């Protein structure tokens, strides 16, 4: 059974390991992590808007639609054509590649945050 205390960030378990912050690193990396979180949430939001615009078959000539498409194209390009879009009842289009892009970027976001955590804290055996 693991016991974690917030003030010392010490973990006691059957393996008797502790998480020790490396002096100076956690604060700077926490700030970097916040910036990365903001950038990824902005990307998720823009991809979600693109998904909604495709779903409702928004006019590709509208300025807002072109703006969202232009902003998200560099991030969406690797996923374009990975699978076909699906049409659902009522003539709506479900853009599966956009959903795949959102999942992949979510996993990348998680991996980056975990890497920052590994850099900021080291595990030591007690």
Protein backbone atom coordinates (compact mmCIF):
# COMPACT_ATOMS: atom_id res chain seq x y z
CA UNK A 1 0.00 0.00 0.00
CA UNK A 2 1.43 3.39 -1.02
CA UNK A 3 1.25 6.50 1.13
CA UNK A 4 1.86 9.87 -0.51
CA UNK A 5 2.24 13.09 1.41
CA UNK A 6 1.81 16.33 -0.52
CA UNK A 7 4.25 18.39 1.52
CA UNK A 8 7.30 16.18 1.06
CA UNK A 9 6.33 14.31 -2.10
CA UNK A 10 7.56 11.13 -0.47
CA UNK A 11 6.15 7.78 -1.47
CA UNK A 12 6.44 4.78 0.80
CA UNK A 13 5.66 1.39 -0.65
CA UNK A 14 6.88 -2.17 -0.43
CA UNK A 15 9.87 -1.14 -2.56
CA UNK A 16 10.65 1.78 -0.20
CA UNK A 17 11.21 4.38 -2.94
CA UNK A 18 11.06 8.14 -2.55
CA UNK A 19 10.49 10.87 -5.13
CA UNK A 20 13.04 13.61 -4.56
CA UNK A 21 12.88 16.93 -6.40
CA UNK A 22 16.11 18.04 -8.01
CA UNK A 23 16.79 21.58 -6.68
CA UNK A 24 15.56 24.33 -9.01
CA UNK A 25 14.12 22.03 -11.67
CA UNK A 26 10.49 21.49 -10.61
CA UNK A 27 9.50 25.17 -10.68
CA UNK A 28 10.94 25.89 -14.15
CA UNK A 29 9.68 22.65 -15.63
CA UNK A 30 6.25 23.21 -14.10
CA UNK A 31 6.09 26.55 -15.92
CA UNK A 32 7.20 24.87 -19.17
CA UNK A 33 4.56 22.19 -18.62
CA UNK A 34 1.89 24.89 -18.25
CA UNK A 35 2.95 26.45 -21.54
CA UNK A 36 2.88 23.06 -23.28
CA UNK A 37 -0.56 22.32 -21.81
CA UNK A 38 -1.86 25.64 -23.14
CA UNK A 39 -0.45 25.00 -26.63
CA UNK A 40 -1.94 21.50 -26.79
CA UNK A 41 -5.35 22.61 -25.51
CA UNK A 42 -5.35 25.34 -28.15
CA UNK A 43 -4.56 22.70 -30.78
CA UNK A 44 -7.31 20.38 -29.45
CA UNK A 45 -9.80 23.25 -29.58
CA UNK A 46 -8.92 24.20 -33.16
CA UNK A 47 -9.08 20.57 -34.33
CA UNK A 48 -12.44 20.16 -32.58
CA UNK A 49 -13.79 23.27 -34.33
CA UNK A 50 -12.54 21.84 -37.64
CA UNK A 51 -14.29 18.56 -36.83
CA UNK A 52 -17.56 20.38 -36.14
CA UNK A 53 -17.28 22.43 -39.33
CA UNK A 54 -16.76 19.25 -41.38
CA UNK A 55 -19.61 17.53 -39.52
CA UNK A 56 -22.13 20.25 -40.39
CA UNK A 57 -20.72 20.64 -43.93
CA UNK A 58 -19.85 24.31 -43.45
CA UNK A 59 -19.15 26.23 -46.66
CA UNK A 60 -15.47 26.00 -47.54
CA UNK A 61 -15.72 29.53 -49.00
CA UNK A 62 -16.56 31.13 -45.63
CA UNK A 63 -13.72 33.14 -44.13
CA UNK A 64 -13.87 31.49 -40.71
CA UNK A 65 -13.80 28.00 -42.24
CA UNK A 66 -10.77 28.92 -44.37
CA UNK A 67 -9.06 30.43 -41.31
CA UNK A 68 -9.55 27.27 -39.21
CA UNK A 69 -8.48 25.07 -42.13
CA UNK A 70 -5.33 27.14 -42.74
CA UNK A 71 -4.35 27.15 -39.05
CA UNK A 72 -4.91 23.40 -38.54
CA UNK A 73 -3.58 22.11 -41.88
CA UNK A 74 0.05 21.73 -40.74
CA UNK A 75 -1.10 19.62 -37.78
CA UNK A 76 -3.73 17.67 -39.71
CA UNK A 77 -1.63 16.94 -42.84
CA UNK A 78 0.06 13.74 -41.50
CA UNK A 79 -3.38 12.24 -40.83
CA UNK A 80 -5.14 13.26 -44.05
CA UNK A 81 -6.38 10.23 -45.96
CA UNK A 82 -5.45 7.76 -43.23
CA UNK A 83 -9.04 6.44 -43.35
CA UNK A 84 -12.11 7.59 -45.24
CA UNK A 85 -14.60 10.03 -43.76
CA UNK A 86 -17.90 8.44 -42.76
CA UNK A 87 -21.29 9.86 -43.65
CA UNK A 88 -23.97 9.42 -41.02
CA UNK A 89 -27.74 9.76 -41.20
CA UNK A 90 -28.92 13.18 -42.24
CA UNK A 91 -25.96 13.79 -44.55
CA UNK A 92 -23.50 14.71 -41.79
CA UNK A 93 -19.84 13.81 -42.29
CA UNK A 94 -17.76 12.34 -39.49
CA UNK A 95 -14.10 13.11 -40.17
CA UNK A 96 -12.35 10.11 -38.62
CA UNK A 97 -8.84 11.41 -39.51
CA UNK A 98 -9.41 14.49 -37.35
CA UNK A 99 -10.42 12.26 -34.43
CA UNK A 100 -7.30 10.14 -34.96
CA UNK A 101 -5.17 13.30 -35.00
CA UNK A 102 -6.71 14.44 -31.71
CA UNK A 103 -5.99 11.07 -30.06
CA UNK A 104 -2.38 10.99 -31.33
CA UNK A 105 -1.74 14.57 -30.17
CA UNK A 106 -3.29 13.66 -26.82
CA UNK A 107 -0.84 10.78 -26.43
CA UNK A 108 2.05 13.03 -27.46
CA UNK A 109 0.90 15.62 -24.90
CA UNK A 110 0.84 12.96 -22.19
CA UNK A 111 4.29 11.66 -23.15
CA UNK A 112 5.82 15.15 -23.04
CA UNK A 113 4.34 15.87 -19.61
CA UNK A 114 5.57 12.52 -18.25
CA UNK A 115 9.06 13.22 -19.64
CA UNK A 116 9.11 16.60 -17.89
CA UNK A 117 8.11 14.88 -14.66
CA UNK A 118 10.96 12.37 -15.04
CA UNK A 119 13.41 15.23 -15.60
CA UNK A 120 12.14 17.22 -12.59
CA UNK A 121 12.07 14.39 -10.07
CA UNK A 122 14.32 11.42 -9.48
CA UNK A 123 13.42 8.20 -7.74
CA UNK A 124 15.73 7.07 -5.00
CA UNK A 125 15.78 3.82 -3.08
CA UNK A 126 15.65 4.25 0.68
